Amino acid sequence: MRDKPRTLLTPGHALVVIVLLMAILGLSLALIMQQSMNLTAIANAGTSGSSATVSGKETDNSANADNTTQTNEETPNGEHSTDNPSANNPSANNPSASTDTRININTASFEELQSITGVGPVTAQRIIDHRKAIGRYSSVDQLMDVTGIGSKTLEKMREQVKVE
């Protein structure tokens, strides 16, 4: 009765198993690398005030900060002069500063969160609960940690939210 083995594994079957295991290993390593890069970006954004995360890529804003700095020099008669004529008008450098209608996910209420595309009452509550658990969001990308928000939903939301 037990003359035959229970399973017959041919070299072709073994090759398929090996290829599948290699594919799974490669996918696992890719996900680990992506998570590592996300954590590095979050850590850098939290420690250096001059970097920001835009569409998943970190950009350095220190060059922009140098362009908007002003120097106050005292003239011989005691008056102050500025090299930047728009120094007294902060919105002159950034015309969209007064028209920014994005919702700050660190201070948004339950109702404000529901006004975001793709966010219903359950997801809004999950965003608030996650915010309470972590203290505050340091990047919009952290919304991916909220159950129910995937990459597609985050891309729909990205233009409507901000972190301050």
N, C-alpha and C. Protein backbone atom coordinates (compact mmCIF):
# COMPACT_ATOMS: atom_id res chain seq x y z
N MET A 1 0.79 -1.19 0.00
CA MET A 1 0.00 0.00 0.00
C MET A 1 0.84 1.27 0.00
N ARG A 2 1.92 1.26 0.70
CA ARG A 2 2.75 2.45 0.81
C ARG A 2 3.96 2.33 -0.10
N ASP A 3 3.75 1.84 -1.28
CA ASP A 3 4.85 1.72 -2.22
C ASP A 3 5.21 3.06 -2.85
N LYS A 4 4.21 3.91 -3.01
CA LYS A 4 4.43 5.20 -3.67
C LYS A 4 4.60 6.31 -2.62
N PRO A 5 5.43 7.28 -2.92
CA PRO A 5 5.53 8.43 -2.00
C PRO A 5 4.24 9.24 -2.04
N ARG A 6 3.95 9.93 -0.96
CA ARG A 6 2.73 10.74 -0.89
C ARG A 6 2.73 11.85 -1.93
N THR A 7 3.86 12.51 -2.10
CA THR A 7 3.97 13.57 -3.11
C THR A 7 5.15 13.25 -4.01
N LEU A 8 4.98 13.59 -5.23
CA LEU A 8 6.05 13.36 -6.19
C LEU A 8 6.60 14.73 -6.60
N LEU A 9 7.81 15.06 -6.21
CA LEU A 9 8.41 16.35 -6.50
C LEU A 9 9.44 16.18 -7.61
N THR A 10 9.09 16.67 -8.77
CA THR A 10 10.00 16.58 -9.91
C THR A 10 10.94 17.77 -9.90
N PRO A 11 12.01 17.72 -10.66
CA PRO A 11 12.90 18.89 -10.74
C PRO A 11 12.17 20.14 -11.21
N GLY A 12 11.19 20.00 -12.07
CA GLY A 12 10.41 21.17 -12.52
C GLY A 12 9.63 21.79 -11.38
N HIS A 13 9.02 20.94 -10.54
CA HIS A 13 8.29 21.45 -9.38
C HIS A 13 9.24 22.16 -8.41
N ALA A 14 10.39 21.58 -8.20
CA ALA A 14 11.36 22.18 -7.30
C ALA A 14 11.81 23.55 -7.81
N LEU A 15 11.98 23.65 -9.12
CA LEU A 15 12.39 24.93 -9.70
C LEU A 15 11.31 25.99 -9.50
N VAL A 16 10.05 25.61 -9.68
CA VAL A 16 8.94 26.56 -9.47
C VAL A 16 8.91 27.02 -8.02
N VAL A 17 9.10 26.11 -7.08
CA VAL A 17 9.10 26.46 -5.66
C VAL A 17 10.24 27.43 -5.35
N ILE A 18 11.41 27.16 -5.90
CA ILE A 18 12.56 28.03 -5.66
C ILE A 18 12.32 29.42 -6.23
N VAL A 19 11.76 29.51 -7.44
CA VAL A 19 11.48 30.81 -8.06
C VAL A 19 10.46 31.58 -7.24
N LEU A 20 9.42 30.91 -6.75
CA LEU A 20 8.42 31.58 -5.92
C LEU A 20 9.04 32.10 -4.62
N LEU A 21 9.86 31.30 -3.99
CA LEU A 21 10.52 31.74 -2.76
C LEU A 21 11.44 32.92 -3.01
N MET A 22 12.13 32.93 -4.12
CA MET A 22 13.01 34.06 -4.46
C MET A 22 12.19 35.33 -4.69
N ALA A 23 11.05 35.20 -5.36
CA ALA A 23 10.19 36.36 -5.61
C ALA A 23 9.66 36.92 -4.29
N ILE A 24 9.25 36.05 -3.40
CA ILE A 24 8.75 36.50 -2.09
C ILE A 24 9.86 37.17 -1.30
N LEU A 25 11.04 36.63 -1.34
CA LEU A 25 12.18 37.24 -0.65
C LEU A 25 12.50 38.62 -1.21
N GLY A 26 12.49 38.74 -2.54
CA GLY A 26 12.75 40.04 -3.17
C GLY A 26 11.71 41.07 -2.79
N LEU A 27 10.45 40.67 -2.77
CA LEU A 27 9.37 41.59 -2.38
C LEU A 27 9.52 42.02 -0.93
N SER A 28 9.86 41.07 -0.07
CA SER A 28 10.06 41.40 1.34
C SER A 28 11.19 42.41 1.52
N LEU A 29 12.27 42.21 0.84
CA LEU A 29 13.40 43.14 0.95
C LEU A 29 13.05 44.52 0.42
N ALA A 30 12.29 44.56 -0.67
CA ALA A 30 11.88 45.85 -1.23
C ALA A 30 10.99 46.60 -0.25
N LEU A 31 10.06 45.90 0.40
CA LEU A 31 9.19 46.55 1.38
C LEU A 31 9.97 47.03 2.60
N ILE A 32 10.94 46.25 3.03
CA ILE A 32 11.76 46.66 4.17
C ILE A 32 12.56 47.91 3.82
N MET A 33 13.11 47.96 2.62
CA MET A 33 13.88 49.14 2.20
C MET A 33 12.98 50.37 2.12
N GLN A 34 11.78 50.21 1.59
CA GLN A 34 10.85 51.34 1.48
C GLN A 34 10.49 51.86 2.87
N GLN A 35 10.20 50.97 3.80
CA GLN A 35 9.86 51.38 5.16
C GLN A 35 11.05 52.07 5.82
N SER A 36 12.24 51.57 5.59
CA SER A 36 13.44 52.19 6.14
C SER A 36 13.62 53.61 5.62
N MET A 37 13.40 53.79 4.32
CA MET A 37 13.53 55.14 3.74
C MET A 37 12.45 56.07 4.28
N ASN A 38 11.23 55.57 4.49
CA ASN A 38 10.17 56.39 5.06
C ASN A 38 10.52 56.82 6.48
N LEU A 39 11.02 55.90 7.28
CA LEU A 39 11.38 56.23 8.65
C LEU A 39 12.55 57.22 8.69
N THR A 40 13.50 57.07 7.79
CA THR A 40 14.62 58.01 7.71
C THR A 40 14.12 59.40 7.34
N ALA A 41 13.22 59.47 6.38
CA ALA A 41 12.67 60.77 5.96
C ALA A 41 11.91 61.42 7.11
N ILE A 42 11.15 60.62 7.84
CA ILE A 42 10.39 61.16 8.97
C ILE A 42 11.35 61.65 10.06
N ALA A 43 12.39 60.88 10.33
CA ALA A 43 13.36 61.28 11.34
C ALA A 43 14.08 62.56 10.93
N ASN A 44 14.44 62.67 9.66
CA ASN A 44 15.12 63.87 9.18
C ASN A 44 14.19 65.07 9.22
N ALA A 45 12.94 64.88 8.88
CA ALA A 45 11.98 65.98 8.90
C ALA A 45 11.74 66.46 10.32
N GLY A 46 11.77 65.54 11.28
CA GLY A 46 11.54 65.91 12.66
C GLY A 46 12.72 66.62 13.30
N THR A 47 13.94 66.35 12.84
CA THR A 47 15.12 66.93 13.48
C THR A 47 15.62 68.16 12.78
N SER A 48 15.43 68.27 11.47
CA SER A 48 15.91 69.46 10.76
C SER A 48 14.72 70.23 10.25
N GLY A 49 14.55 71.41 10.73
CA GLY A 49 13.40 72.21 10.35
C GLY A 49 13.41 72.64 8.90
N SER A 50 14.48 72.34 8.16
CA SER A 50 14.58 72.85 6.80
C SER A 50 14.20 71.85 5.73
N SER A 51 13.72 70.68 6.09
CA SER A 51 13.33 69.73 5.06
C SER A 51 11.85 69.46 5.14
N ALA A 52 11.28 69.12 4.00
CA ALA A 52 9.86 68.84 3.92
C ALA A 52 9.65 67.65 3.02
N THR A 53 8.57 66.93 3.24
CA THR A 53 8.27 65.79 2.41
C THR A 53 7.17 66.18 1.44
N VAL A 54 7.45 66.05 0.16
CA VAL A 54 6.50 66.40 -0.88
C VAL A 54 6.36 65.20 -1.80
N SER A 55 5.16 64.68 -1.91
CA SER A 55 4.88 63.53 -2.77
C SER A 55 5.84 62.37 -2.50
N GLY A 56 6.16 62.15 -1.23
CA GLY A 56 7.01 61.03 -0.88
C GLY A 56 8.49 61.28 -1.07
N LYS A 57 8.86 62.48 -1.54
CA LYS A 57 10.27 62.79 -1.75
C LYS A 57 10.66 63.93 -0.83
N GLU A 58 11.83 63.82 -0.26
CA GLU A 58 12.29 64.86 0.65
C GLU A 58 12.99 65.95 -0.13
N THR A 59 12.64 67.19 0.17
CA THR A 59 13.27 68.32 -0.50
C THR A 59 13.85 69.23 0.55
N ASP A 60 14.93 69.89 0.22
CA ASP A 60 15.59 70.78 1.15
C ASP A 60 15.13 72.20 0.87
N ASN A 61 14.56 72.84 1.87
CA ASN A 61 14.05 74.19 1.71
C ASN A 61 15.03 75.25 2.17
N SER A 62 16.25 74.87 2.54
CA SER A 62 17.19 75.86 3.04
C SER A 62 17.58 76.85 1.96
N ALA A 63 17.61 76.43 0.69
CA ALA A 63 17.93 77.36 -0.39
C ALA A 63 16.83 78.41 -0.52
N ASN A 64 15.58 78.00 -0.36
CA ASN A 64 14.47 78.94 -0.42
C ASN A 64 14.52 79.90 0.76
N ALA A 65 14.93 79.42 1.91
CA ALA A 65 15.00 80.27 3.08
C ALA A 65 16.04 81.37 2.87
N ASP A 66 17.14 81.05 2.19
CA ASP A 66 18.17 82.05 1.94
C ASP A 66 17.66 83.14 1.00
N ASN A 67 16.78 82.79 0.07
CA ASN A 67 16.26 83.77 -0.87
C ASN A 67 15.28 84.73 -0.23
N THR A 68 14.66 84.33 0.87
CA THR A 68 13.64 85.18 1.47
C THR A 68 14.14 85.92 2.70
N THR A 69 15.41 85.75 3.08
CA THR A 69 15.91 86.45 4.25
C THR A 69 16.17 87.91 3.90
N GLN A 70 16.05 88.71 4.90
CA GLN A 70 16.29 90.13 4.70
C GLN A 70 17.41 90.58 5.62
N THR A 71 18.09 91.63 5.22
CA THR A 71 19.13 92.17 6.07
C THR A 71 18.76 93.60 6.42
N ASN A 72 18.77 93.85 7.70
CA ASN A 72 18.50 95.21 8.17
C ASN A 72 19.83 95.88 8.43
N GLU A 73 20.04 97.00 7.79
CA GLU A 73 21.27 97.75 8.01
C GLU A 73 20.90 99.15 8.49
N GLU A 74 21.70 99.64 9.39
CA GLU A 74 21.45 100.98 9.89
C GLU A 74 22.23 101.97 9.05
N THR A 75 21.52 102.96 8.57
CA THR A 75 22.16 103.98 7.77
C THR A 75 22.88 104.96 8.69
N PRO A 76 23.76 105.78 8.14
CA PRO A 76 24.52 106.71 9.00
C PRO A 76 23.63 107.63 9.82
N ASN A 77 22.42 107.94 9.36
CA ASN A 77 21.58 108.85 10.13
C ASN A 77 20.71 108.12 11.14
N GLY A 78 20.95 106.79 11.37
CA GLY A 78 20.26 106.05 12.42
C GLY A 78 19.00 105.34 11.96
N GLU A 79 18.64 105.46 10.68
CA GLU A 79 17.42 104.80 10.21
C GLU A 79 17.76 103.38 9.78
N HIS A 80 16.76 102.52 9.81
CA HIS A 80 16.93 101.14 9.35
C HIS A 80 16.45 101.04 7.92
N SER A 81 17.23 100.34 7.11
CA SER A 81 16.80 100.09 5.74
C SER A 81 16.77 98.59 5.51
N THR A 82 15.93 98.17 4.61
CA THR A 82 15.86 96.74 4.30
C THR A 82 16.16 96.55 2.83
N ASP A 83 16.84 95.43 2.54
CA ASP A 83 17.13 95.10 1.14
C ASP A 83 15.94 94.47 0.46
N ASN A 84 14.99 93.98 1.23
CA ASN A 84 13.84 93.27 0.69
C ASN A 84 12.62 94.17 0.78
N PRO A 85 12.09 94.68 -0.34
CA PRO A 85 10.97 95.60 -0.28
C PRO A 85 9.69 94.94 0.22
N SER A 86 9.57 93.62 0.13
CA SER A 86 8.35 92.96 0.57
C SER A 86 8.50 92.40 1.98
N ALA A 87 9.46 92.91 2.75
CA ALA A 87 9.72 92.36 4.07
C ALA A 87 8.55 92.60 5.01
N ASN A 88 7.85 93.71 4.86
CA ASN A 88 6.72 94.00 5.73
C ASN A 88 5.45 93.27 5.33
N ASN A 89 5.46 92.61 4.16
CA ASN A 89 4.30 91.90 3.67
C ASN A 89 4.68 90.44 3.45
N PRO A 90 4.48 89.57 4.45
CA PRO A 90 4.91 88.19 4.31
C PRO A 90 4.19 87.43 3.21
N SER A 91 2.98 87.83 2.85
CA SER A 91 2.26 87.11 1.80
C SER A 91 2.74 87.52 0.41
N ALA A 92 3.59 88.55 0.32
CA ALA A 92 4.10 88.96 -0.99
C ALA A 92 5.04 87.90 -1.56
N ASN A 93 5.81 87.23 -0.68
CA ASN A 93 6.71 86.18 -1.15
C ASN A 93 5.97 84.92 -1.52
N ASN A 94 4.84 84.66 -0.88
CA ASN A 94 4.07 83.45 -1.11
C ASN A 94 2.61 83.83 -1.32
N PRO A 95 2.19 84.05 -2.57
CA PRO A 95 0.83 84.51 -2.81
C PRO A 95 -0.22 83.50 -2.38
N SER A 96 0.12 82.22 -2.27
CA SER A 96 -0.87 81.23 -1.88
C SER A 96 -0.99 81.09 -0.37
N ALA A 97 -0.21 81.88 0.40
CA ALA A 97 -0.23 81.75 1.84
C ALA A 97 -1.60 82.08 2.41
N SER A 98 -2.28 83.06 1.87
CA SER A 98 -3.58 83.44 2.40
C SER A 98 -4.71 82.60 1.81
N THR A 99 -4.44 81.88 0.73
CA THR A 99 -5.48 81.08 0.10
C THR A 99 -5.29 79.59 0.34
N ASP A 100 -4.48 79.23 1.30
CA ASP A 100 -4.24 77.83 1.60
C ASP A 100 -5.45 77.28 2.35
N THR A 101 -6.19 76.43 1.68
CA THR A 101 -7.40 75.87 2.28
C THR A 101 -7.21 74.43 2.74
N ARG A 102 -5.96 73.96 2.73
CA ARG A 102 -5.71 72.59 3.16
C ARG A 102 -5.99 72.45 4.65
N ILE A 103 -6.36 71.25 5.04
CA ILE A 103 -6.71 70.97 6.42
C ILE A 103 -5.50 70.42 7.15
N ASN A 104 -5.18 71.02 8.29
CA ASN A 104 -4.07 70.56 9.12
C ASN A 104 -4.53 69.33 9.90
N ILE A 105 -3.96 68.18 9.60
CA ILE A 105 -4.42 66.95 10.23
C ILE A 105 -4.04 66.85 11.70
N ASN A 106 -3.18 67.74 12.18
CA ASN A 106 -2.83 67.74 13.60
C ASN A 106 -3.85 68.48 14.46
N THR A 107 -4.63 69.37 13.84
CA THR A 107 -5.59 70.15 14.61
C THR A 107 -7.02 70.00 14.10
N ALA A 108 -7.23 69.23 13.05
CA ALA A 108 -8.55 69.12 12.43
C ALA A 108 -9.54 68.43 13.34
N SER A 109 -10.78 68.92 13.29
CA SER A 109 -11.85 68.30 14.05
C SER A 109 -12.42 67.12 13.26
N PHE A 110 -13.29 66.38 13.91
CA PHE A 110 -13.94 65.24 13.28
C PHE A 110 -14.68 65.67 12.01
N GLU A 111 -15.38 66.79 12.07
CA GLU A 111 -16.15 67.29 10.92
C GLU A 111 -15.24 67.75 9.79
N GLU A 112 -14.14 68.42 10.14
CA GLU A 112 -13.20 68.87 9.11
C GLU A 112 -12.57 67.69 8.38
N LEU A 113 -12.23 66.65 9.11
CA LEU A 113 -11.64 65.47 8.49
C LEU A 113 -12.62 64.80 7.53
N GLN A 114 -13.90 64.82 7.86
CA GLN A 114 -14.89 64.20 6.99
C GLN A 114 -15.07 64.96 5.68
N SER A 115 -14.65 66.22 5.64
CA SER A 115 -14.79 67.01 4.41
C SER A 115 -13.71 66.65 3.39
N ILE A 116 -12.73 65.85 3.78
CA ILE A 116 -11.66 65.43 2.88
C ILE A 116 -12.17 64.31 1.99
N THR A 117 -11.82 64.36 0.71
CA THR A 117 -12.22 63.33 -0.24
C THR A 117 -11.69 61.97 0.21
N GLY A 118 -12.59 60.98 0.28
CA GLY A 118 -12.20 59.64 0.65
C GLY A 118 -12.22 59.37 2.14
N VAL A 119 -12.62 60.35 2.95
CA VAL A 119 -12.65 60.18 4.40
C VAL A 119 -14.10 60.25 4.88
N GLY A 120 -14.55 59.15 5.46
CA GLY A 120 -15.88 59.10 6.05
C GLY A 120 -15.77 59.18 7.55
N PRO A 121 -16.87 58.96 8.25
CA PRO A 121 -16.85 59.08 9.71
C PRO A 121 -15.91 58.07 10.39
N VAL A 122 -15.88 56.85 9.87
CA VAL A 122 -15.02 55.82 10.49
C VAL A 122 -13.55 56.17 10.30
N THR A 123 -13.17 56.56 9.08
CA THR A 123 -11.77 56.90 8.81
C THR A 123 -11.38 58.17 9.57
N ALA A 124 -12.28 59.14 9.65
CA ALA A 124 -11.98 60.37 10.40
C ALA A 124 -11.68 60.03 11.86
N GLN A 125 -12.47 59.15 12.44
CA GLN A 125 -12.23 58.77 13.83
C GLN A 125 -10.91 58.02 13.97
N ARG A 126 -10.58 57.19 12.98
CA ARG A 126 -9.30 56.46 13.02
C ARG A 126 -8.12 57.43 12.92
N ILE A 127 -8.26 58.48 12.10
CA ILE A 127 -7.20 59.49 11.99
C ILE A 127 -6.99 60.17 13.34
N ILE A 128 -8.08 60.53 14.00
CA ILE A 128 -7.99 61.19 15.30
C ILE A 128 -7.40 60.24 16.33
N ASP A 129 -7.84 58.98 16.33
CA ASP A 129 -7.31 58.00 17.29
C ASP A 129 -5.81 57.78 17.09
N HIS A 130 -5.39 57.69 15.83
CA HIS A 130 -3.96 57.50 15.55
C HIS A 130 -3.17 58.74 15.96
N ARG A 131 -3.75 59.92 15.74
CA ARG A 131 -3.09 61.17 16.15
C ARG A 131 -2.88 61.18 17.66
N LYS A 132 -3.89 60.74 18.41
CA LYS A 132 -3.76 60.67 19.87
C LYS A 132 -2.69 59.66 20.28
N ALA A 133 -2.61 58.56 19.54
CA ALA A 133 -1.65 57.50 19.89
C ALA A 133 -0.21 57.93 19.65
N ILE A 134 0.04 58.68 18.56
CA ILE A 134 1.42 59.06 18.23
C ILE A 134 1.79 60.46 18.69
N GLY A 135 0.83 61.20 19.19
CA GLY A 135 1.11 62.57 19.65
C GLY A 135 0.76 63.60 18.60
N ARG A 136 1.38 63.50 17.45
CA ARG A 136 1.08 64.39 16.33
C ARG A 136 1.71 63.81 15.08
N TYR A 137 1.16 64.20 13.94
CA TYR A 137 1.71 63.76 12.66
C TYR A 137 2.88 64.66 12.30
N SER A 138 3.97 64.08 11.82
CA SER A 138 5.10 64.87 11.35
C SER A 138 5.14 64.92 9.83
N SER A 139 4.33 64.09 9.18
CA SER A 139 4.29 64.03 7.72
C SER A 139 2.92 63.54 7.29
N VAL A 140 2.47 64.02 6.14
CA VAL A 140 1.21 63.54 5.58
C VAL A 140 1.30 62.05 5.29
N ASP A 141 2.49 61.57 4.97
CA ASP A 141 2.68 60.15 4.66
C ASP A 141 2.34 59.24 5.83
N GLN A 142 2.33 59.75 7.05
CA GLN A 142 1.98 58.94 8.21
C GLN A 142 0.53 58.51 8.20
N LEU A 143 -0.29 59.12 7.35
CA LEU A 143 -1.68 58.68 7.23
C LEU A 143 -1.76 57.25 6.70
N MET A 144 -0.69 56.78 6.06
CA MET A 144 -0.67 55.40 5.57
C MET A 144 -0.73 54.41 6.74
N ASP A 145 -0.37 54.83 7.94
CA ASP A 145 -0.41 53.97 9.11
C ASP A 145 -1.83 53.80 9.65
N VAL A 146 -2.76 54.63 9.18
CA VAL A 146 -4.15 54.56 9.63
C VAL A 146 -4.86 53.45 8.85
N THR A 147 -5.53 52.58 9.56
CA THR A 147 -6.27 51.49 8.92
C THR A 147 -7.33 52.07 8.00
N GLY A 148 -7.36 51.58 6.77
CA GLY A 148 -8.35 52.06 5.79
C GLY A 148 -7.80 53.09 4.83
N ILE A 149 -6.59 53.58 5.06
CA ILE A 149 -5.98 54.54 4.14
C ILE A 149 -4.80 53.86 3.46
N GLY A 150 -4.95 53.65 2.16
CA GLY A 150 -3.88 53.07 1.37
C GLY A 150 -3.24 54.13 0.50
N SER A 151 -2.37 53.71 -0.39
CA SER A 151 -1.65 54.67 -1.22
C SER A 151 -2.59 55.43 -2.16
N LYS A 152 -3.60 54.77 -2.69
CA LYS A 152 -4.53 55.45 -3.61
C LYS A 152 -5.35 56.49 -2.87
N THR A 153 -5.84 56.14 -1.70
CA THR A 153 -6.62 57.09 -0.90
C THR A 153 -5.74 58.26 -0.48
N LEU A 154 -4.51 57.99 -0.09
CA LEU A 154 -3.59 59.05 0.33
C LEU A 154 -3.33 60.02 -0.82
N GLU A 155 -3.17 59.51 -2.03
CA GLU A 155 -2.93 60.40 -3.17
C GLU A 155 -4.13 61.29 -3.44
N LYS A 156 -5.35 60.79 -3.22
CA LYS A 156 -6.55 61.61 -3.37
C LYS A 156 -6.59 62.70 -2.30
N MET A 157 -6.10 62.37 -1.12
CA MET A 157 -6.17 63.29 0.02
C MET A 157 -5.03 64.30 0.04
N ARG A 158 -3.90 63.95 -0.56
CA ARG A 158 -2.66 64.72 -0.39
C ARG A 158 -2.82 66.21 -0.66
N GLU A 159 -3.57 66.59 -1.68
CA GLU A 159 -3.72 68.01 -2.03
C GLU A 159 -4.64 68.76 -1.06
N GLN A 160 -5.35 68.02 -0.20
CA GLN A 160 -6.31 68.64 0.70
C GLN A 160 -5.84 68.74 2.14
N VAL A 161 -4.70 68.12 2.45
CA VAL A 161 -4.23 68.09 3.82
C VAL A 161 -2.81 68.63 3.95
N LYS A 162 -2.48 69.02 5.16
CA LYS A 162 -1.12 69.50 5.45
C LYS A 162 -0.79 69.15 6.89
N VAL A 163 0.48 69.29 7.24
CA VAL A 163 0.95 69.06 8.60
C VAL A 163 1.70 70.31 9.04
N GLU A 164 1.29 70.86 10.13
CA GLU A 164 1.98 72.03 10.70
C GLU A 164 2.33 71.78 12.13
